[in-house]
Amino acid sequence: MPNNAAPGQLPLWLKLAFTAWIIGWAPTYWVLLGPQNYFWLCNLASFLILVGLWRESRLLLSMQWLAVALVGTLWALDVGTAWLTGVHPIGGTEYMFDDDQPLLTRLMSLYHLVLPVVAGLAICRLGYAPRALAWQSVLTWLVVPTSYLLTEAERNINWVHGPFGTHQEWLPPLVYLAGLMALWPLLIYLPVHLATRWLQRRGRLPGAG
């Protein structure tokens, strides 16, 4: 994967702060939830953003911008609405209000709010790489079936057994998995890609490369 970033454009404090977060977050999640939890695309994004920040890789950070921007927004919408009304309009964040889940686990899950800010700040400085859509789609097509094969079904990591934390039974498992792999880039990445390219064409972001 090529790196075409211009060095020295990202502030050192951002790199150090995010590194400190990963040093605390990664082992804590391992102890509380186990290594399988790293297969979540948003968790994987944390590590890839860290690499992207230090390398100042426009491509890698653009890929993770696609991975976290809409997901983080929807996560915040679901948690915020449930906190105010008790209703989850989307679903998948019920664990945030489950007293059986360790409080520390739930608090650390607030990183869903942080990742879009960090990735967004990075592409505002470095620019957005349009080919990130293809690269992130390929990465997703590798991670999703790997999650299906190597993680426990009850964990439902990356929703490989059913959407929004549920377990679906209306489709054969492999048919559902193929549909998930096809729809993830279309529904999650493509809208962010198009919106970011629109901002880029209007001069709100540095030029494409």
Protein backbone atom coordinates (compact mmCIF):
# COMPACT_ATOMS: atom_id res chain seq x y z
CA MET A 1 0.00 0.00 0.00
CA PRO A 2 1.72 3.19 -1.12
CA ASN A 3 2.22 6.13 1.19
CA ASN A 4 1.88 9.51 -0.50
CA ALA A 5 1.66 11.84 2.47
CA ALA A 6 3.64 15.00 2.91
CA PRO A 7 5.58 14.78 6.20
CA GLY A 8 5.11 17.09 9.13
CA GLN A 9 1.51 18.12 8.46
CA LEU A 10 -0.08 16.38 11.45
CA PRO A 11 0.54 17.86 14.92
CA LEU A 12 2.74 15.89 17.25
CA TRP A 13 0.26 16.26 20.10
CA LEU A 14 -2.36 14.38 18.08
CA LYS A 15 0.01 11.50 17.41
CA LEU A 16 1.11 11.30 21.04
CA ALA A 17 -2.40 11.59 22.45
CA PHE A 18 -3.76 8.88 20.18
CA THR A 19 -0.77 6.65 20.94
CA ALA A 20 -1.42 7.06 24.67
CA TRP A 21 -5.05 6.11 24.09
CA ILE A 22 -4.10 2.93 22.21
CA ILE A 23 -1.60 1.95 24.91
CA GLY A 24 -4.40 2.10 27.48
CA TRP A 25 -7.30 0.88 25.34
CA ALA A 26 -5.82 -2.13 23.55
CA PRO A 27 -4.68 -4.22 26.55
CA THR A 28 -7.79 -3.27 28.53
CA TYR A 29 -10.06 -4.54 25.75
CA TRP A 30 -7.96 -7.71 25.51
CA VAL A 31 -8.47 -8.43 29.23
CA LEU A 32 -12.15 -7.48 29.34
CA LEU A 33 -13.37 -8.81 25.98
CA GLY A 34 -10.64 -11.02 24.57
CA PRO A 35 -8.61 -10.75 21.36
CA GLN A 36 -11.60 -11.66 19.17
CA ASN A 37 -12.93 -8.17 19.76
CA TYR A 38 -10.13 -6.74 17.61
CA PHE A 39 -11.85 -8.22 14.55
CA TRP A 40 -14.48 -5.49 14.70
CA LEU A 41 -13.76 -3.13 11.81
CA CYS A 42 -14.04 -0.12 14.10
CA ASN A 43 -11.54 -1.65 16.52
CA LEU A 44 -9.19 -2.51 13.67
CA ALA A 45 -9.56 1.11 12.56
CA SER A 46 -8.04 2.27 15.83
CA PHE A 47 -4.78 0.48 15.07
CA LEU A 48 -4.75 1.55 11.43
CA ILE A 49 -5.39 5.18 12.35
CA LEU A 50 -2.43 4.99 14.73
CA VAL A 51 -0.18 3.75 11.92
CA GLY A 52 -1.64 6.32 9.54
CA LEU A 53 -0.99 9.19 11.94
CA TRP A 54 2.68 8.36 12.43
CA ARG A 55 3.28 7.65 8.75
CA GLU A 56 1.07 10.58 7.74
CA SER A 57 -0.46 8.27 5.17
CA ARG A 58 -3.28 9.99 3.36
CA LEU A 59 -4.47 6.69 1.90
CA LEU A 60 -4.57 4.77 5.18
CA LEU A 61 -6.26 7.60 7.05
CA SER A 62 -8.76 8.10 4.22
CA MET A 63 -9.63 4.41 4.40
CA GLN A 64 -10.33 4.64 8.10
CA TRP A 65 -12.31 7.83 7.63
CA LEU A 66 -14.65 5.74 5.48
CA ALA A 67 -14.72 3.04 8.14
CA VAL A 68 -15.61 5.24 11.11
CA ALA A 69 -17.36 8.42 9.93
CA LEU A 70 -20.86 7.09 9.32
CA VAL A 71 -20.57 4.22 11.81
CA GLY A 72 -19.54 6.62 14.56
CA THR A 73 -22.36 9.01 13.70
CA LEU A 74 -24.99 6.26 13.77
CA TRP A 75 -23.54 4.86 17.00
CA ALA A 76 -23.76 8.29 18.62
CA LEU A 77 -27.32 8.77 17.34
CA ASP A 78 -28.44 5.42 18.72
CA VAL A 79 -26.76 5.87 22.12
CA GLY A 80 -27.88 9.48 22.45
CA THR A 81 -31.49 8.73 21.55
CA ALA A 82 -31.60 5.74 23.89
CA TRP A 83 -30.13 7.84 26.71
CA LEU A 84 -32.77 10.53 26.23
CA THR A 85 -35.82 8.38 25.39
CA GLY A 86 -34.97 4.78 26.23
CA VAL A 87 -35.52 3.79 22.60
CA HIS A 88 -32.80 2.53 20.25
CA PRO A 89 -33.80 3.79 16.76
CA ILE A 90 -31.05 1.76 15.05
CA GLY A 91 -29.92 -0.91 17.48
CA GLY A 92 -26.62 -2.55 18.21
CA THR A 93 -25.69 -0.31 21.15
CA GLU A 94 -27.89 -1.92 23.79
CA TYR A 95 -24.75 -3.10 25.57
CA MET A 96 -24.06 0.51 26.57
CA PHE A 97 -27.03 0.33 28.97
CA ASP A 98 -26.50 -3.27 30.10
CA ASP A 99 -25.45 -3.36 33.77
CA ASP A 100 -24.04 -6.85 33.20
CA GLN A 101 -21.36 -5.28 31.02
CA PRO A 102 -18.39 -3.84 32.93
CA LEU A 103 -18.67 -0.08 33.27
CA LEU A 104 -15.10 0.32 32.03
CA THR A 105 -15.96 -1.57 28.84
CA ARG A 106 -18.88 0.71 28.19
CA LEU A 107 -16.90 3.86 28.90
CA MET A 108 -14.06 2.81 26.63
CA SER A 109 -16.58 2.19 23.85
CA LEU A 110 -16.97 5.96 23.67
CA TYR A 111 -14.00 5.82 21.32
CA HIS A 112 -16.68 5.56 18.61
CA LEU A 113 -17.04 9.32 19.11
CA VAL A 114 -13.31 9.97 18.96
CA LEU A 115 -12.23 8.03 15.88
CA PRO A 116 -14.24 10.13 13.36
CA VAL A 117 -12.80 13.31 14.87
CA VAL A 118 -9.21 12.05 14.65
CA ALA A 119 -9.57 10.64 11.13
CA GLY A 120 -11.48 13.74 10.00
CA LEU A 121 -8.82 16.08 11.36
CA ALA A 122 -6.15 14.03 9.59
CA ILE A 123 -7.77 14.22 6.16
CA CYS A 124 -8.45 17.92 6.66
CA ARG A 125 -4.68 18.31 7.00
CA LEU A 126 -3.49 15.72 4.47
CA GLY A 127 -6.38 15.51 2.03
CA TYR A 128 -8.61 12.63 1.03
CA ALA A 129 -7.36 9.84 -1.26
CA PRO A 130 -10.26 8.79 -3.54
CA ARG A 131 -8.87 5.29 -4.04
CA ALA A 132 -9.50 4.70 -0.34
CA LEU A 133 -12.96 3.43 -1.29
CA ALA A 134 -11.51 0.49 -3.22
CA TRP A 135 -8.82 -0.27 -0.63
CA GLN A 136 -11.21 -0.17 2.32
CA SER A 137 -13.72 -2.32 0.46
CA VAL A 138 -11.04 -4.96 -0.15
CA LEU A 139 -10.00 -4.83 3.49
CA THR A 140 -13.63 -5.32 4.52
CA TRP A 141 -13.99 -8.29 2.17
CA LEU A 142 -11.02 -9.87 3.96
CA VAL A 143 -12.02 -9.04 7.53
CA VAL A 144 -15.71 -9.95 7.36
CA PRO A 145 -15.30 -13.60 6.27
CA THR A 146 -12.35 -13.95 8.63
CA SER A 147 -14.62 -12.79 11.44
CA TYR A 148 -17.17 -15.42 10.40
CA LEU A 149 -14.59 -18.20 10.42
CA LEU A 150 -12.52 -17.31 13.48
CA THR A 151 -14.87 -15.73 16.02
CA GLU A 152 -17.63 -17.18 18.18
CA ALA A 153 -21.13 -16.98 16.72
CA GLU A 154 -22.59 -15.49 19.91
CA ARG A 155 -20.18 -12.56 19.62
CA ASN A 156 -21.63 -11.72 16.18
CA ILE A 157 -18.58 -9.61 15.37
CA ASN A 158 -19.12 -7.31 12.39
CA TRP A 159 -22.70 -8.61 12.40
CA VAL A 160 -21.65 -11.65 10.39
CA HIS A 161 -24.55 -13.66 11.84
CA GLY A 162 -27.22 -10.97 11.72
CA PRO A 163 -27.68 -7.19 11.56
CA PHE A 164 -27.64 -4.80 14.51
CA GLY A 165 -26.52 -7.45 16.98
CA THR A 166 -29.31 -9.91 16.15
CA HIS A 167 -28.99 -13.43 14.71
CA GLN A 168 -30.84 -13.78 11.42
CA GLU A 169 -32.51 -17.02 10.29
CA TRP A 170 -34.33 -15.98 7.11
CA LEU A 171 -31.34 -16.52 4.80
CA PRO A 172 -28.75 -19.30 4.57
CA PRO A 173 -25.70 -18.12 6.54
CA LEU A 174 -23.36 -17.89 3.54
CA VAL A 175 -25.95 -16.05 1.45
CA TYR A 176 -26.39 -13.53 4.24
CA LEU A 177 -22.60 -13.21 4.57
CA ALA A 178 -22.22 -12.53 0.85
CA GLY A 179 -24.94 -9.89 1.02
CA LEU A 180 -23.27 -8.26 4.01
CA MET A 181 -19.97 -8.07 2.16
CA ALA A 182 -21.68 -6.49 -0.85
CA LEU A 183 -23.77 -3.98 1.08
CA TRP A 184 -21.19 -2.81 3.61
CA PRO A 185 -19.17 -0.73 1.11
CA LEU A 186 -22.32 0.50 -0.62
CA LEU A 187 -24.20 1.60 2.49
CA ILE A 188 -21.37 2.57 4.84
CA TYR A 189 -18.40 3.68 2.74
CA LEU A 190 -19.88 5.04 -0.49
CA PRO A 191 -22.02 7.81 1.11
CA VAL A 192 -18.99 9.07 3.07
CA HIS A 193 -16.79 8.84 -0.01
CA LEU A 194 -19.25 10.85 -2.13
CA ALA A 195 -19.75 13.50 0.56
CA THR A 196 -16.00 13.84 1.09
CA ARG A 197 -15.31 14.10 -2.65
CA TRP A 198 -17.99 16.81 -2.87
CA LEU A 199 -16.21 18.78 -0.16
CA GLN A 200 -12.91 18.24 -1.94
CA ARG A 201 -14.25 19.51 -5.25
CA ARG A 202 -15.56 22.62 -3.49
CA GLY A 203 -12.13 23.31 -2.08
CA ARG A 204 -13.02 22.46 1.51
CA LEU A 205 -10.35 19.72 1.63
CA PRO A 206 -6.86 19.50 0.10
CA GLY A 207 -6.70 18.25 -3.48
CA ALA A 208 -7.00 14.63 -4.54
CA GLY A 209 -4.01 12.51 -5.28
